[in-house]
């Protein structure tokens, strides 16, 4: 149980750090993006970039959650649910700034991508620890 909670916290931290770092990089490397970021008047490529960053961060969140929580499948779903619950009110407030497909793509991908990241982590981990196989 404690590993699951730590996994969820670690996963959420990975998501926040990833998204924040990517946002800083995008603003410094893409002047056109930086000029419209405050007003949130993004072009299609900018919206796709933002969604891609979110998707990668969400996969990383699920992956890191699974690594910390070990094989806890439920733990890999929880960070996605937490983000979904946190972002629904935010997306309601910015509803008119983005097309519907943008909101739906972001919100509806949080839980499945979190789970997918955890699935990748579990698939990469051997079923029998290497030290046990040597005995």
C-alpha atoms as a PDB file:
ATOM      1  CA  UNK A   1       0.000   0.000   0.000  1.00  0.00           C
ATOM      2  CA  UNK A   2       2.762   2.453   0.953  1.00  0.00           C
ATOM      3  CA  UNK A   3       4.683   1.674  -2.259  1.00  0.00           C
ATOM      4  CA  UNK A   4       1.507   2.347  -4.238  1.00  0.00           C
ATOM      5  CA  UNK A   5       1.028   5.745  -2.630  1.00  0.00           C
ATOM      6  CA  UNK A   6       4.689   6.616  -3.153  1.00  0.00           C
ATOM      7  CA  UNK A   7       4.384   5.452  -6.747  1.00  0.00           C
ATOM      8  CA  UNK A   8       1.416   7.737  -7.386  1.00  0.00           C
ATOM      9  CA  UNK A   9       3.236  10.691  -5.824  1.00  0.00           C
ATOM     10  CA  UNK A  10       6.386   9.936  -7.825  1.00  0.00           C
ATOM     11  CA  UNK A  11       4.385   9.595 -11.028  1.00  0.00           C
ATOM     12  CA  UNK A  12       2.624  12.913 -10.512  1.00  0.00           C
ATOM     13  CA  UNK A  13       5.975  14.568  -9.745  1.00  0.00           C
ATOM     14  CA  UNK A  14       7.427  13.153 -12.970  1.00  0.00           C
ATOM     15  CA  UNK A  15       4.452  14.525 -14.903  1.00  0.00           C
ATOM     16  CA  UNK A  16       4.750  18.030 -13.428  1.00  0.00           C
ATOM     17  CA  UNK A  17       8.522  18.163 -13.935  1.00  0.00           C
ATOM     18  CA  UNK A  18       8.272  16.833 -17.507  1.00  0.00           C
ATOM     19  CA  UNK A  19       5.530  19.228 -18.568  1.00  0.00           C
ATOM     20  CA  UNK A  20       7.203  22.200 -16.911  1.00  0.00           C
ATOM     21  CA  UNK A  21      10.596  21.467 -18.475  1.00  0.00           C
ATOM     22  CA  UNK A  22       9.065  20.917 -21.910  1.00  0.00           C
ATOM     23  CA  UNK A  23       7.111  24.169 -21.616  1.00  0.00           C
ATOM     24  CA  UNK A  24      10.252  26.126 -20.772  1.00  0.00           C
ATOM     25  CA  UNK A  25      12.122  24.528 -23.670  1.00  0.00           C
ATOM     26  CA  UNK A  26       9.267  25.174 -26.093  1.00  0.00           C
ATOM     27  CA  UNK A  27       9.019  28.826 -25.110  1.00  0.00           C
ATOM     28  CA  UNK A  28      12.741  29.379 -25.488  1.00  0.00           C
ATOM     29  CA  UNK A  29      13.147  27.385 -28.715  1.00  0.00           C
ATOM     30  CA  UNK A  30       9.946  28.448 -30.467  1.00  0.00           C
ATOM     31  CA  UNK A  31       9.534  32.253 -30.436  1.00  0.00           C
ATOM     32  CA  UNK A  32       6.129  32.098 -32.165  1.00  0.00           C
ATOM     33  CA  UNK A  33       4.891  29.790 -29.400  1.00  0.00           C
ATOM     34  CA  UNK A  34       6.252  32.068 -26.699  1.00  0.00           C
ATOM     35  CA  UNK A  35       4.513  35.068 -28.258  1.00  0.00           C
ATOM     36  CA  UNK A  36       1.047  33.464 -28.070  1.00  0.00           C
ATOM     37  CA  UNK A  37       1.440  31.385 -24.907  1.00  0.00           C
ATOM     38  CA  UNK A  38      -0.018  33.993 -22.562  1.00  0.00           C
ATOM     39  CA  UNK A  39      -3.128  34.505 -24.706  1.00  0.00           C
ATOM     40  CA  UNK A  40      -3.345  30.762 -25.491  1.00  0.00           C
ATOM     41  CA  UNK A  41      -3.986  31.450 -29.167  1.00  0.00           C
ATOM     42  CA  UNK A  42      -2.075  28.439 -30.413  1.00  0.00           C
ATOM     43  CA  UNK A  43      -1.811  27.275 -34.009  1.00  0.00           C
ATOM     44  CA  UNK A  44      -2.551  23.657 -34.927  1.00  0.00           C
ATOM     45  CA  UNK A  45       1.137  22.617 -34.784  1.00  0.00           C
ATOM     46  CA  UNK A  46       1.414  24.259 -31.367  1.00  0.00           C
ATOM     47  CA  UNK A  47      -1.635  22.389 -30.078  1.00  0.00           C
ATOM     48  CA  UNK A  48      -0.273  19.108 -31.442  1.00  0.00           C
ATOM     49  CA  UNK A  49       3.059  19.821 -29.742  1.00  0.00           C
ATOM     50  CA  UNK A  50       1.310  20.517 -26.441  1.00  0.00           C
ATOM     51  CA  UNK A  51      -0.728  17.322 -26.705  1.00  0.00           C
ATOM     52  CA  UNK A  52       2.404  15.353 -27.594  1.00  0.00           C
ATOM     53  CA  UNK A  53       4.217  16.689 -24.556  1.00  0.00           C
ATOM     54  CA  UNK A  54       1.240  15.795 -22.390  1.00  0.00           C
ATOM     55  CA  UNK A  55       1.107  12.290 -23.860  1.00  0.00           C
ATOM     56  CA  UNK A  56       4.818  11.661 -23.305  1.00  0.00           C
ATOM     57  CA  UNK A  57       4.640  13.051 -19.771  1.00  0.00           C
ATOM     58  CA  UNK A  58       1.613  10.883 -19.004  1.00  0.00           C
ATOM     59  CA  UNK A  59       3.353   7.746 -20.294  1.00  0.00           C
ATOM     60  CA  UNK A  60       6.389   8.641 -18.170  1.00  0.00           C
ATOM     61  CA  UNK A  61       4.089   9.190 -15.196  1.00  0.00           C
ATOM     62  CA  UNK A  62       2.575   5.721 -15.537  1.00  0.00           C
ATOM     63  CA  UNK A  63       5.991   4.170 -16.093  1.00  0.00           C
ATOM     64  CA  UNK A  64       7.546   5.781 -13.022  1.00  0.00           C
ATOM     65  CA  UNK A  65       4.496   4.968 -10.927  1.00  0.00           C
ATOM     66  CA  UNK A  66       4.807   1.291 -11.857  1.00  0.00           C
ATOM     67  CA  UNK A  67       8.538   1.258 -11.148  1.00  0.00           C
ATOM     68  CA  UNK A  68       8.047   2.651  -7.647  1.00  0.00           C
ATOM     69  CA  UNK A  69       4.819   0.761  -6.870  1.00  0.00           C
ATOM     70  CA  UNK A  70       6.182  -2.404  -8.464  1.00  0.00           C
ATOM     71  CA  UNK A  71       3.404  -4.469 -10.013  1.00  0.00           C
ATOM     72  CA  UNK A  72       0.446  -2.512  -8.657  1.00  0.00           C
ATOM     73  CA  UNK A  73      -1.836  -2.114 -11.679  1.00  0.00           C
ATOM     74  CA  UNK A  74      -4.286   0.079  -9.766  1.00  0.00           C
ATOM     75  CA  UNK A  75      -1.465   2.446  -8.844  1.00  0.00           C
ATOM     76  CA  UNK A  76      -0.765   3.138 -12.529  1.00  0.00           C
ATOM     77  CA  UNK A  77      -4.382   4.176 -13.065  1.00  0.00           C
ATOM     78  CA  UNK A  78      -4.592   6.521 -10.087  1.00  0.00           C
ATOM     79  CA  UNK A  79      -2.287   9.317 -11.288  1.00  0.00           C
ATOM     80  CA  UNK A  80      -4.272   9.495 -14.532  1.00  0.00           C
ATOM     81  CA  UNK A  81      -7.512   9.731 -12.556  1.00  0.00           C
ATOM     82  CA  UNK A  82      -6.025  12.423 -10.300  1.00  0.00           C
ATOM     83  CA  UNK A  83      -4.945  14.487 -13.318  1.00  0.00           C
ATOM     84  CA  UNK A  84      -8.321  13.984 -14.990  1.00  0.00           C
ATOM     85  CA  UNK A  85     -10.155  15.239 -11.904  1.00  0.00           C
ATOM     86  CA  UNK A  86      -7.739  18.169 -11.583  1.00  0.00           C
ATOM     87  CA  UNK A  87      -7.944  19.190 -15.240  1.00  0.00           C
ATOM     88  CA  UNK A  88     -11.690  18.921 -15.865  1.00  0.00           C
ATOM     89  CA  UNK A  89     -12.407  22.222 -14.053  1.00  0.00           C
ATOM     90  CA  UNK A  90      -9.410  23.859 -15.765  1.00  0.00           C
ATOM     91  CA  UNK A  91     -10.572  22.783 -19.199  1.00  0.00           C
ATOM     92  CA  UNK A  92     -14.066  24.051 -18.460  1.00  0.00           C
ATOM     93  CA  UNK A  93     -12.604  27.500 -17.776  1.00  0.00           C
ATOM     94  CA  UNK A  94     -10.560  27.503 -21.013  1.00  0.00           C
ATOM     95  CA  UNK A  95     -13.193  25.704 -23.106  1.00  0.00           C
ATOM     96  CA  UNK A  96     -13.549  28.550 -25.633  1.00  0.00           C
ATOM     97  CA  UNK A  97      -9.800  28.872 -26.219  1.00  0.00           C
ATOM     98  CA  UNK A  98      -9.386  25.437 -27.796  1.00  0.00           C
ATOM     99  CA  UNK A  99     -11.371  23.229 -30.176  1.00  0.00           C
ATOM    100  CA  UNK A 100     -13.407  20.416 -28.643  1.00  0.00           C
ATOM    101  CA  UNK A 101     -11.092  17.756 -30.107  1.00  0.00           C
ATOM    102  CA  UNK A 102      -8.168  19.262 -28.162  1.00  0.00           C
ATOM    103  CA  UNK A 103      -9.968  19.057 -24.815  1.00  0.00           C
ATOM    104  CA  UNK A 104     -11.247  15.547 -25.483  1.00  0.00           C
ATOM    105  CA  UNK A 105      -7.866  14.292 -26.699  1.00  0.00           C
ATOM    106  CA  UNK A 106      -6.105  15.589 -23.611  1.00  0.00           C
ATOM    107  CA  UNK A 107      -8.692  14.604 -21.020  1.00  0.00           C
ATOM    108  CA  UNK A 108      -9.636  11.208 -22.432  1.00  0.00           C
ATOM    109  CA  UNK A 109      -6.006  10.150 -22.850  1.00  0.00           C
ATOM    110  CA  UNK A 110      -4.868  10.722 -19.262  1.00  0.00           C
ATOM    111  CA  UNK A 111      -6.026   7.446 -17.720  1.00  0.00           C
ATOM    112  CA  UNK A 112      -5.247   5.140 -20.680  1.00  0.00           C
ATOM    113  CA  UNK A 113      -1.770   6.621 -21.226  1.00  0.00           C
ATOM    114  CA  UNK A 114      -0.991   6.408 -17.520  1.00  0.00           C
ATOM    115  CA  UNK A 115      -2.000   2.744 -17.582  1.00  0.00           C
ATOM    116  CA  UNK A 116      -0.014   2.164 -20.804  1.00  0.00           C
ATOM    117  CA  UNK A 117       3.119   3.620 -19.203  1.00  0.00           C
ATOM    118  CA  UNK A 118       2.677   1.254 -16.283  1.00  0.00           C
ATOM    119  CA  UNK A 119       2.154  -1.664 -18.655  1.00  0.00           C
ATOM    120  CA  UNK A 120       5.412  -0.828 -20.442  1.00  0.00           C
ATOM    121  CA  UNK A 121       7.252  -0.747 -17.119  1.00  0.00           C
ATOM    122  CA  UNK A 122       5.782  -4.073 -16.024  1.00  0.00           C
ATOM    123  CA  UNK A 123       6.645  -5.669 -19.372  1.00  0.00           C
ATOM    124  CA  UNK A 124      10.262  -4.539 -19.079  1.00  0.00           C
ATOM    125  CA  UNK A 125      10.667  -5.963 -15.579  1.00  0.00           C
ATOM    126  CA  UNK A 126      11.550  -9.660 -15.442  1.00  0.00           C
ATOM    127  CA  UNK A 127       9.054 -11.867 -13.640  1.00  0.00           C
ATOM    128  CA  UNK A 128      11.833 -13.471 -11.578  1.00  0.00           C
ATOM    129  CA  UNK A 129      14.442 -11.164 -10.072  1.00  0.00           C
ATOM    130  CA  UNK A 130      17.905 -11.830 -11.507  1.00  0.00           C
ATOM    131  CA  UNK A 131      19.342 -12.703  -8.083  1.00  0.00           C
ATOM    132  CA  UNK A 132      16.653 -15.360  -7.550  1.00  0.00           C
ATOM    133  CA  UNK A 133      17.445 -16.927 -10.923  1.00  0.00           C
ATOM    134  CA  UNK A 134      21.103 -17.354  -9.924  1.00  0.00           C
ATOM    135  CA  UNK A 135      20.307 -19.417  -6.819  1.00  0.00           C
END
